[in-house]
N, C-alpha and C. Protein backbone atom coordinates (compact mmCIF):
# COMPACT_ATOMS: atom_id res chain seq x y z
N MET A 1 6.89 3.87 21.75
CA MET A 1 7.19 2.77 20.89
C MET A 1 8.63 3.18 19.70
N ASP A 2 8.59 2.09 19.49
CA ASP A 2 10.37 2.28 18.47
C ASP A 2 9.58 1.75 17.40
N ALA A 3 10.40 1.61 16.38
CA ALA A 3 10.59 1.26 14.89
C ALA A 3 9.89 -0.24 15.22
N GLN A 4 10.38 -1.09 15.53
CA GLN A 4 10.08 -2.45 15.82
C GLN A 4 8.71 -2.57 16.44
N ASP A 5 8.22 -1.97 17.61
CA ASP A 5 6.91 -1.86 17.81
C ASP A 5 5.94 -1.65 16.45
N VAL A 6 6.31 -0.80 15.96
CA VAL A 6 5.44 -0.24 14.97
C VAL A 6 5.25 -1.08 13.88
N VAL A 7 6.41 -1.94 13.66
CA VAL A 7 5.91 -3.04 12.50
C VAL A 7 5.25 -4.25 13.28
N ASP A 8 5.78 -4.41 14.79
CA ASP A 8 5.12 -5.37 15.41
C ASP A 8 3.31 -5.16 15.23
N LEU A 9 2.88 -4.03 15.51
CA LEU A 9 1.83 -3.32 15.40
C LEU A 9 0.87 -3.48 13.78
N LEU A 10 1.74 -3.27 13.11
CA LEU A 10 1.36 -3.65 11.73
C LEU A 10 1.09 -5.01 10.78
N ARG A 11 1.72 -5.95 11.72
CA ARG A 11 2.03 -7.24 11.83
C ARG A 11 0.24 -8.00 12.51
N LEU A 12 0.20 -6.94 13.53
CA LEU A 12 -0.82 -7.82 14.33
C LEU A 12 -2.28 -6.94 13.92
N THR A 13 -2.02 -6.13 12.91
CA THR A 13 -3.42 -5.31 12.57
C THR A 13 -3.73 -5.40 11.28
N GLN A 14 -4.83 -4.93 10.44
CA GLN A 14 -5.12 -4.88 9.15
C GLN A 14 -5.49 -3.78 8.27
N GLY A 15 -5.76 -2.78 9.29
CA GLY A 15 -5.80 -1.32 8.50
C GLY A 15 -4.88 -0.47 8.67
N GLN A 16 -4.88 0.96 8.22
CA GLN A 16 -3.99 1.75 7.92
C GLN A 16 -3.75 2.21 9.28
N VAL A 17 -2.06 2.49 9.51
CA VAL A 17 -1.37 3.31 10.64
C VAL A 17 -0.88 4.07 10.47
N VAL A 18 -1.04 5.38 10.96
CA VAL A 18 -0.99 6.72 11.08
C VAL A 18 0.10 6.81 12.22
N ALA A 19 1.74 7.22 11.91
CA ALA A 19 2.50 7.40 12.60
C ALA A 19 2.43 8.86 12.88
N ASN A 20 2.25 9.34 14.45
CA ASN A 20 2.71 10.95 14.59
C ASN A 20 3.45 11.34 15.75
N HIS A 21 3.63 12.20 15.96
CA HIS A 21 4.27 12.84 16.84
C HIS A 21 5.82 12.16 16.98
N LEU A 22 6.66 12.29 15.93
CA LEU A 22 7.97 11.68 16.03
C LEU A 22 8.59 12.88 16.04
N GLU A 23 10.08 12.45 16.05
CA GLU A 23 11.34 12.92 16.44
C GLU A 23 10.95 14.28 17.45
N ALA A 24 10.48 14.01 18.50
CA ALA A 24 10.31 14.85 19.42
C ALA A 24 11.75 14.61 20.43
N LEU A 25 12.25 16.17 20.55
CA LEU A 25 13.81 15.69 21.31
C LEU A 25 13.54 15.08 22.74
N SER A 26 12.96 15.40 23.46
CA SER A 26 12.75 14.46 24.69
C SER A 26 12.37 13.04 24.88
N HIS A 27 11.57 12.97 24.22
CA HIS A 27 10.68 11.36 24.68
C HIS A 27 10.02 10.76 23.42
N CYS A 28 10.86 11.18 21.99
CA CYS A 28 10.36 10.30 21.11
C CYS A 28 11.47 10.25 20.02
N PRO A 29 12.28 9.80 20.14
CA PRO A 29 13.73 9.91 19.13
C PRO A 29 13.65 9.04 17.87
N VAL A 30 12.40 8.52 17.75
CA VAL A 30 12.14 7.53 16.52
C VAL A 30 12.13 8.84 15.27
N THR A 31 12.95 8.34 13.99
CA THR A 31 12.73 9.13 13.03
C THR A 31 11.45 8.85 12.03
N ARG A 32 11.26 9.90 11.30
CA ARG A 32 10.24 9.56 10.23
C ARG A 32 10.87 8.59 9.45
N THR A 33 12.13 8.41 9.14
CA THR A 33 12.85 7.83 8.21
C THR A 33 13.35 6.37 8.08
N GLY A 34 13.80 6.60 9.90
CA GLY A 34 13.92 4.96 10.28
C GLY A 34 12.71 4.62 10.44
N LEU A 35 11.76 4.93 10.45
CA LEU A 35 10.35 4.22 10.64
C LEU A 35 9.78 3.69 9.30
N ALA A 36 10.06 4.51 8.19
CA ALA A 36 9.72 4.31 7.00
C ALA A 36 10.61 3.09 6.74
N GLN A 37 11.72 3.42 7.16
CA GLN A 37 12.83 2.27 6.46
C GLN A 37 12.53 0.90 7.40
N ALA A 38 11.85 0.85 8.39
CA ALA A 38 11.39 -0.41 9.21
C ALA A 38 10.26 -0.99 8.70
N ALA A 39 9.16 -0.37 8.36
CA ALA A 39 7.95 -0.81 7.75
C ALA A 39 8.65 -1.26 5.96
N THR A 40 9.23 -0.55 5.33
CA THR A 40 9.80 -0.98 3.96
C THR A 40 10.30 -2.38 4.28
N GLN A 41 11.43 -2.65 4.94
CA GLN A 41 12.12 -4.18 5.58
C GLN A 41 11.24 -5.02 5.69
N ALA A 42 10.04 -4.84 6.42
CA ALA A 42 8.79 -5.74 6.71
C ALA A 42 7.81 -5.63 5.78
N GLY A 43 8.11 -5.37 4.33
CA GLY A 43 7.29 -5.39 3.40
C GLY A 43 5.63 -4.76 3.74
N MET A 44 5.85 -3.61 4.44
CA MET A 44 4.22 -3.16 5.12
C MET A 44 3.99 -1.72 4.85
N GLN A 45 5.17 -1.23 4.05
CA GLN A 45 5.24 0.16 4.03
C GLN A 45 4.19 0.66 3.27
N ALA A 46 2.83 0.21 2.52
CA ALA A 46 1.85 0.82 2.18
C ALA A 46 0.70 0.92 3.08
N ARG A 47 0.76 0.14 4.10
CA ARG A 47 -0.07 0.47 5.45
C ARG A 47 0.20 1.40 6.22
N LEU A 48 1.53 1.86 6.18
CA LEU A 48 2.13 3.05 7.22
C LEU A 48 2.10 4.18 6.48
N HIS A 49 1.34 5.03 7.17
CA HIS A 49 1.34 6.58 6.89
C HIS A 49 2.30 7.37 7.88
N VAL A 50 3.25 8.10 7.20
CA VAL A 50 4.29 8.70 8.16
C VAL A 50 4.05 10.41 7.69
N PRO A 51 2.81 11.40 8.44
CA PRO A 51 2.89 12.55 7.66
C PRO A 51 3.84 13.64 8.20
N ALA A 52 4.06 14.56 7.24
CA ALA A 52 5.20 15.62 7.85
C ALA A 52 4.81 16.32 8.43
N ASP A 53 5.57 17.18 9.43
CA ASP A 53 4.63 18.42 10.23
C ASP A 53 3.89 19.16 9.21
N GLY A 54 2.67 19.33 10.15
CA GLY A 54 1.99 20.18 9.41
C GLY A 54 0.61 19.75 8.13
N GLU A 55 1.32 18.20 7.68
CA GLU A 55 0.85 17.50 6.92
C GLU A 55 -0.68 17.19 7.31
N THR A 56 -1.78 17.04 6.52
CA THR A 56 -2.80 16.58 6.88
C THR A 56 -3.79 15.30 5.77
N LEU A 57 -3.76 14.24 6.52
CA LEU A 57 -4.23 13.01 5.59
C LEU A 57 -5.58 12.98 5.77
N THR A 58 -5.94 12.74 4.52
CA THR A 58 -7.55 12.71 4.05
C THR A 58 -7.87 11.17 3.79
N PHE A 59 -8.57 10.35 4.49
CA PHE A 59 -8.89 8.89 4.06
C PHE A 59 -10.47 8.86 3.76
N HIS A 60 -10.74 8.14 2.45
CA HIS A 60 -12.31 8.14 1.81
C HIS A 60 -12.72 7.12 2.34
N GLU A 61 -14.03 7.08 2.43
CA GLU A 61 -14.68 5.98 2.81
C GLU A 61 -14.47 4.55 1.89
N ALA A 62 -14.57 4.65 0.72
CA ALA A 62 -14.45 3.58 0.10
C ALA A 62 -12.94 2.95 -0.09
N GLU A 63 -11.61 3.89 0.12
CA GLU A 63 -10.39 3.51 0.65
C GLU A 63 -10.24 2.68 1.60
N LEU A 64 -11.20 3.12 3.10
CA LEU A 64 -11.11 2.42 4.38
C LEU A 64 -11.67 1.10 4.08
N LEU A 65 -13.00 1.42 2.95
CA LEU A 65 -13.79 -0.24 3.21
C LEU A 65 -13.04 -1.58 2.69
N MET A 66 -12.31 -0.71 1.44
CA MET A 66 -11.10 -1.52 0.57
C MET A 66 -10.28 -2.44 1.49
N VAL A 67 -9.69 -1.60 2.43
CA VAL A 67 -8.42 -2.02 3.48
C VAL A 67 -9.42 -3.12 4.50
N MET A 68 -10.75 -2.97 4.88
CA MET A 68 -11.26 -3.61 5.63
C MET A 68 -11.82 -4.95 5.36
N GLU A 69 -11.77 -5.07 3.90
CA GLU A 69 -12.24 -6.59 3.36
C GLU A 69 -11.54 -7.46 3.31
């Protein structure tokens, strides 16, 4: 997927999206910065999470329920 594919996914869904496995030299040239910029330009940065290497994201049920309503 490229950045535009992720923006398209954000437009087609309502929930949170976590982008991982980025910046792999051989098969994933999308950068974290480029992906975040594309989401910001589309006005969807609040739903896209782009964790750093080794970062753990925690989602609480109450937060997920708010997104789903």
